[in-house]
N, C-alpha and C. Protein backbone atom coordinates (compact mmCIF):
# COMPACT_ATOMS: atom_id res chain seq x y z
N MET A 1 39.65 -32.93 -20.41
CA MET A 1 39.10 -33.68 -18.95
C MET A 1 38.06 -33.39 -18.52
N ARG A 2 37.15 -34.59 -18.44
CA ARG A 2 35.72 -34.00 -18.27
C ARG A 2 35.56 -34.30 -16.63
N ILE A 3 34.70 -33.78 -16.02
CA ILE A 3 34.62 -33.58 -14.39
C ILE A 3 32.87 -34.19 -14.16
N ASP A 4 31.92 -33.95 -15.25
CA ASP A 4 30.88 -33.97 -15.00
C ASP A 4 30.08 -33.61 -13.70
N ALA A 5 30.08 -32.26 -13.79
CA ALA A 5 29.66 -31.77 -12.53
C ALA A 5 28.91 -30.58 -12.62
N LEU A 6 27.94 -30.64 -11.78
CA LEU A 6 26.65 -29.79 -12.35
C LEU A 6 26.72 -28.52 -11.32
N GLN A 7 26.50 -27.61 -12.21
CA GLN A 7 26.54 -26.16 -11.69
C GLN A 7 24.95 -25.68 -11.19
N VAL A 8 24.74 -24.90 -10.38
CA VAL A 8 23.45 -24.74 -9.79
C VAL A 8 23.80 -23.13 -9.64
N GLY A 9 22.88 -22.44 -9.86
CA GLY A 9 23.34 -20.64 -9.81
C GLY A 9 21.68 -20.21 -9.26
N GLY A 10 21.74 -19.26 -8.56
CA GLY A 10 20.28 -18.36 -8.68
C GLY A 10 20.61 -17.16 -8.22
N SER A 11 19.65 -16.44 -8.34
CA SER A 11 19.56 -14.94 -7.92
C SER A 11 18.47 -14.31 -7.77
N THR A 12 18.31 -13.45 -6.72
CA THR A 12 17.16 -12.66 -6.63
C THR A 12 16.84 -11.47 -7.29
N GLN A 13 17.93 -11.27 -8.19
CA GLN A 13 17.61 -9.94 -8.87
C GLN A 13 17.26 -10.26 -10.45
N TRP A 14 16.50 -9.78 -10.96
CA TRP A 14 16.16 -10.20 -12.51
C TRP A 14 17.27 -10.21 -13.73
N GLY A 15 18.01 -9.03 -13.40
CA GLY A 15 18.97 -8.61 -14.26
C GLY A 15 20.10 -9.70 -14.52
N SER A 16 20.47 -10.23 -13.13
CA SER A 16 21.29 -11.23 -13.07
C SER A 16 21.16 -12.74 -13.14
N LEU A 17 19.64 -12.74 -13.33
CA LEU A 17 19.10 -14.20 -13.68
C LEU A 17 19.13 -14.50 -14.99
N VAL A 18 19.12 -13.58 -15.87
CA VAL A 18 19.68 -14.02 -17.31
C VAL A 18 20.86 -14.87 -17.54
N PHE A 19 21.87 -14.38 -16.76
CA PHE A 19 23.35 -14.88 -16.70
C PHE A 19 23.22 -16.06 -16.08
N MET A 20 22.59 -16.38 -15.30
CA MET A 20 22.13 -17.46 -14.42
C MET A 20 21.83 -18.87 -15.30
N ILE A 21 20.86 -18.23 -16.33
CA ILE A 21 19.98 -19.34 -16.95
C ILE A 21 20.86 -19.95 -18.25
N LEU A 22 21.76 -18.85 -18.69
CA LEU A 22 22.65 -19.22 -19.68
C LEU A 22 24.11 -20.17 -19.57
N THR A 23 24.48 -19.98 -18.21
CA THR A 23 25.64 -20.57 -17.82
C THR A 23 25.66 -21.53 -17.02
N CYS A 24 24.50 -21.66 -16.20
CA CYS A 24 24.30 -22.80 -15.25
C CYS A 24 23.40 -24.14 -15.85
N ASP A 25 23.62 -25.47 -15.29
CA ASP A 25 22.91 -26.25 -15.62
C ASP A 25 21.45 -26.22 -14.68
N TYR A 26 21.44 -26.00 -13.71
CA TYR A 26 20.23 -25.33 -12.87
C TYR A 26 20.14 -24.60 -12.29
N PHE A 27 18.94 -23.69 -12.32
CA PHE A 27 19.18 -22.16 -11.80
C PHE A 27 17.79 -22.06 -10.91
N LEU A 28 18.15 -21.29 -9.84
CA LEU A 28 16.88 -21.11 -8.76
C LEU A 28 16.69 -19.50 -9.27
N ILE A 29 15.21 -19.66 -8.82
CA ILE A 29 14.73 -18.31 -9.26
C ILE A 29 14.16 -17.57 -7.96
N VAL A 30 14.27 -16.43 -8.03
CA VAL A 30 14.11 -15.55 -6.54
C VAL A 30 13.50 -16.28 -5.47
N GLU A 31 12.33 -16.62 -5.35
CA GLU A 31 12.21 -17.32 -3.83
C GLU A 31 12.74 -18.74 -3.73
N GLU A 32 13.03 -19.38 -4.62
CA GLU A 32 13.70 -20.52 -4.30
C GLU A 32 15.28 -20.57 -3.99
N VAL A 33 15.79 -19.38 -3.98
CA VAL A 33 17.17 -19.38 -3.53
C VAL A 33 16.93 -19.21 -1.92
N TYR A 34 16.15 -18.46 -1.22
CA TYR A 34 15.91 -18.44 0.01
C TYR A 34 15.48 -19.87 0.47
N ALA A 35 14.63 -20.50 -0.38
CA ALA A 35 14.20 -21.86 0.11
C ALA A 35 15.41 -22.56 0.10
N ALA A 36 16.28 -22.85 -0.64
CA ALA A 36 17.64 -23.84 -1.03
C ALA A 36 18.35 -23.40 0.46
N ALA A 37 18.43 -22.06 0.75
CA ALA A 37 19.15 -21.75 1.74
C ALA A 37 18.62 -22.24 3.10
N ALA A 38 17.33 -21.96 3.42
CA ALA A 38 16.98 -22.59 4.54
C ALA A 38 17.08 -24.05 4.57
N LEU A 39 17.02 -24.80 3.46
CA LEU A 39 17.06 -26.34 3.88
C LEU A 39 18.52 -26.61 3.94
N CYS A 40 19.21 -25.85 3.05
CA CYS A 40 20.45 -26.24 3.44
C CYS A 40 20.97 -26.00 4.94
N SER A 41 20.72 -25.19 5.43
CA SER A 41 21.21 -24.60 6.75
C SER A 41 20.65 -25.61 8.01
N ASP A 42 21.09 -25.39 9.05
CA ASP A 42 20.82 -25.99 10.25
C ASP A 42 19.73 -25.06 11.31
N ASN A 43 19.65 -24.01 10.57
CA ASN A 43 18.89 -22.95 11.47
C ASN A 43 17.30 -23.43 11.65
N PRO A 44 17.02 -23.51 12.68
CA PRO A 44 15.47 -23.85 12.75
C PRO A 44 14.54 -22.72 12.69
N VAL A 45 14.81 -21.51 12.44
CA VAL A 45 14.26 -20.23 12.27
C VAL A 45 13.90 -20.52 10.98
N LEU A 46 14.84 -20.61 10.10
CA LEU A 46 14.72 -20.70 8.82
C LEU A 46 13.77 -21.74 8.35
N ARG A 47 13.94 -22.79 8.95
CA ARG A 47 13.32 -23.81 8.23
C ARG A 47 11.83 -23.47 8.86
N THR A 48 11.65 -23.05 9.66
CA THR A 48 10.03 -22.60 10.41
C THR A 48 9.33 -21.81 9.47
N SER A 49 10.15 -20.83 9.24
CA SER A 49 9.86 -19.50 8.27
C SER A 49 9.26 -20.28 6.93
N LEU A 50 10.39 -21.23 6.40
CA LEU A 50 9.91 -21.74 4.98
C LEU A 50 8.44 -22.60 5.23
N ARG A 51 8.46 -23.34 6.28
CA ARG A 51 7.35 -24.18 6.53
C ARG A 51 5.88 -23.22 6.61
N ALA A 52 6.00 -22.48 7.52
CA ALA A 52 4.96 -21.40 7.44
C ALA A 52 4.40 -20.67 6.20
N SER A 53 5.77 -20.23 5.22
CA SER A 53 5.36 -19.80 4.37
C SER A 53 4.56 -20.85 3.50
N ASP A 54 5.28 -21.90 3.27
CA ASP A 54 3.98 -22.88 2.50
C ASP A 54 2.77 -23.19 3.02
N VAL A 55 2.54 -23.31 4.16
CA VAL A 55 1.28 -23.59 4.87
C VAL A 55 0.29 -22.35 4.35
N PHE A 56 0.98 -21.42 4.16
CA PHE A 56 0.14 -19.84 4.34
C PHE A 56 -0.46 -19.91 2.80
N LYS A 57 0.51 -20.61 1.62
CA LYS A 57 0.40 -20.32 0.59
C LYS A 57 -0.78 -21.51 0.11
N SER A 58 -0.48 -22.50 0.57
CA SER A 58 -1.58 -23.61 0.53
C SER A 58 -3.15 -23.41 0.81
N PHE A 59 -2.98 -22.54 1.94
CA PHE A 59 -4.12 -22.20 2.95
C PHE A 59 -4.84 -21.01 1.83
N ALA A 60 -3.75 -20.21 1.13
CA ALA A 60 -4.63 -19.13 0.19
C ALA A 60 -5.15 -20.02 -1.30
N ILE A 61 -4.50 -21.04 -1.54
CA ILE A 61 -4.82 -21.50 -3.10
C ILE A 61 -6.34 -22.24 -2.62
N ILE A 62 -6.48 -22.94 -1.37
CA ILE A 62 -7.57 -23.48 -1.13
C ILE A 62 -8.74 -22.38 -1.17
N MET A 63 -8.49 -21.54 -0.35
CA MET A 63 -9.31 -20.58 -0.55
C MET A 63 -9.69 -19.68 -1.84
N ILE A 64 -9.03 -19.43 -2.60
CA ILE A 64 -9.31 -18.87 -3.99
C ILE A 64 -10.06 -20.07 -4.58
N ILE A 65 -9.77 -21.52 -4.45
CA ILE A 65 -10.72 -22.13 -5.17
C ILE A 65 -11.89 -22.26 -4.72
N LEU A 66 -11.84 -22.59 -3.44
CA LEU A 66 -13.26 -22.15 -2.83
C LEU A 66 -14.29 -21.13 -3.48
N GLY A 67 -13.62 -19.98 -3.07
CA GLY A 67 -14.25 -18.69 -3.40
C GLY A 67 -14.81 -18.82 -4.84
N LEU A 68 -13.72 -19.32 -5.68
CA LEU A 68 -14.26 -19.53 -7.21
C LEU A 68 -15.36 -20.72 -7.45
N ALA A 69 -15.43 -21.29 -6.49
CA ALA A 69 -16.38 -22.68 -6.67
C ALA A 69 -17.71 -22.00 -6.10
N LEU A 70 -17.71 -21.48 -5.09
CA LEU A 70 -19.01 -20.41 -4.52
C LEU A 70 -19.73 -19.67 -5.44
N VAL A 71 -18.40 -18.66 -5.98
CA VAL A 71 -19.23 -17.64 -6.94
C VAL A 71 -19.86 -18.21 -8.56
N SER A 72 -18.97 -19.65 -8.65
CA SER A 72 -19.53 -20.26 -9.92
C SER A 72 -20.87 -20.73 -9.58
N ALA A 73 -21.23 -21.14 -8.16
CA ALA A 73 -22.47 -21.92 -8.08
C ALA A 73 -23.53 -20.74 -7.70
N GLY A 74 -22.73 -19.64 -7.81
CA GLY A 74 -24.27 -18.58 -7.51
C GLY A 74 -24.42 -17.89 -6.28
N ASP A 75 -23.45 -18.37 -5.26
CA ASP A 75 -23.78 -18.05 -3.96
C ASP A 75 -23.28 -16.34 -4.14
N LYS A 76 -23.94 -15.86 -3.00
CA LYS A 76 -23.94 -14.44 -3.06
C LYS A 76 -23.13 -13.89 -1.74
N LEU A 77 -23.21 -14.84 -0.62
CA LEU A 77 -22.45 -14.40 0.40
C LEU A 77 -20.97 -13.85 0.47
N LEU A 78 -20.12 -14.98 -0.42
CA LEU A 78 -18.82 -14.22 -0.58
C LEU A 78 -18.53 -12.89 -1.20
N LEU A 79 -19.49 -12.40 -2.25
CA LEU A 79 -19.78 -10.86 -2.47
C LEU A 79 -19.91 -10.17 -1.65
N SER A 80 -20.93 -10.59 -0.72
CA SER A 80 -21.49 -9.66 0.33
C SER A 80 -20.24 -9.27 1.50
N ILE A 81 -19.86 -10.19 1.96
CA ILE A 81 -18.85 -10.21 2.52
C ILE A 81 -17.30 -9.27 2.13
N LEU A 82 -17.09 -9.43 0.93
CA LEU A 82 -15.92 -8.48 0.63
C LEU A 82 -16.20 -7.48 0.14
N ARG A 83 -18.03 -6.74 -0.16
CA ARG A 83 -17.85 -5.49 -0.09
C ARG A 83 -18.03 -4.68 1.36
N MET A 84 -17.84 -5.50 2.24
CA MET A 84 -18.01 -4.93 3.29
C MET A 84 -16.75 -3.49 3.68
């Protein structure tokens, strides 16, 4: 008898992650486990924390790209700020 059910697994520990990859159709890696728990729950604190984390990561990526562009253009201001 075939059910056609999907099995989703995840772990925050690297040792058990190998088992999840081998036995599940889809797997969640480290931080995705916390994000899935926040999205599935009705707890506004968890959802707000997840949103704040995403906003901070986006800001960090934008700042890294901006810094790389400035250094590539030859601007020394960023280097002098970082040396403080």
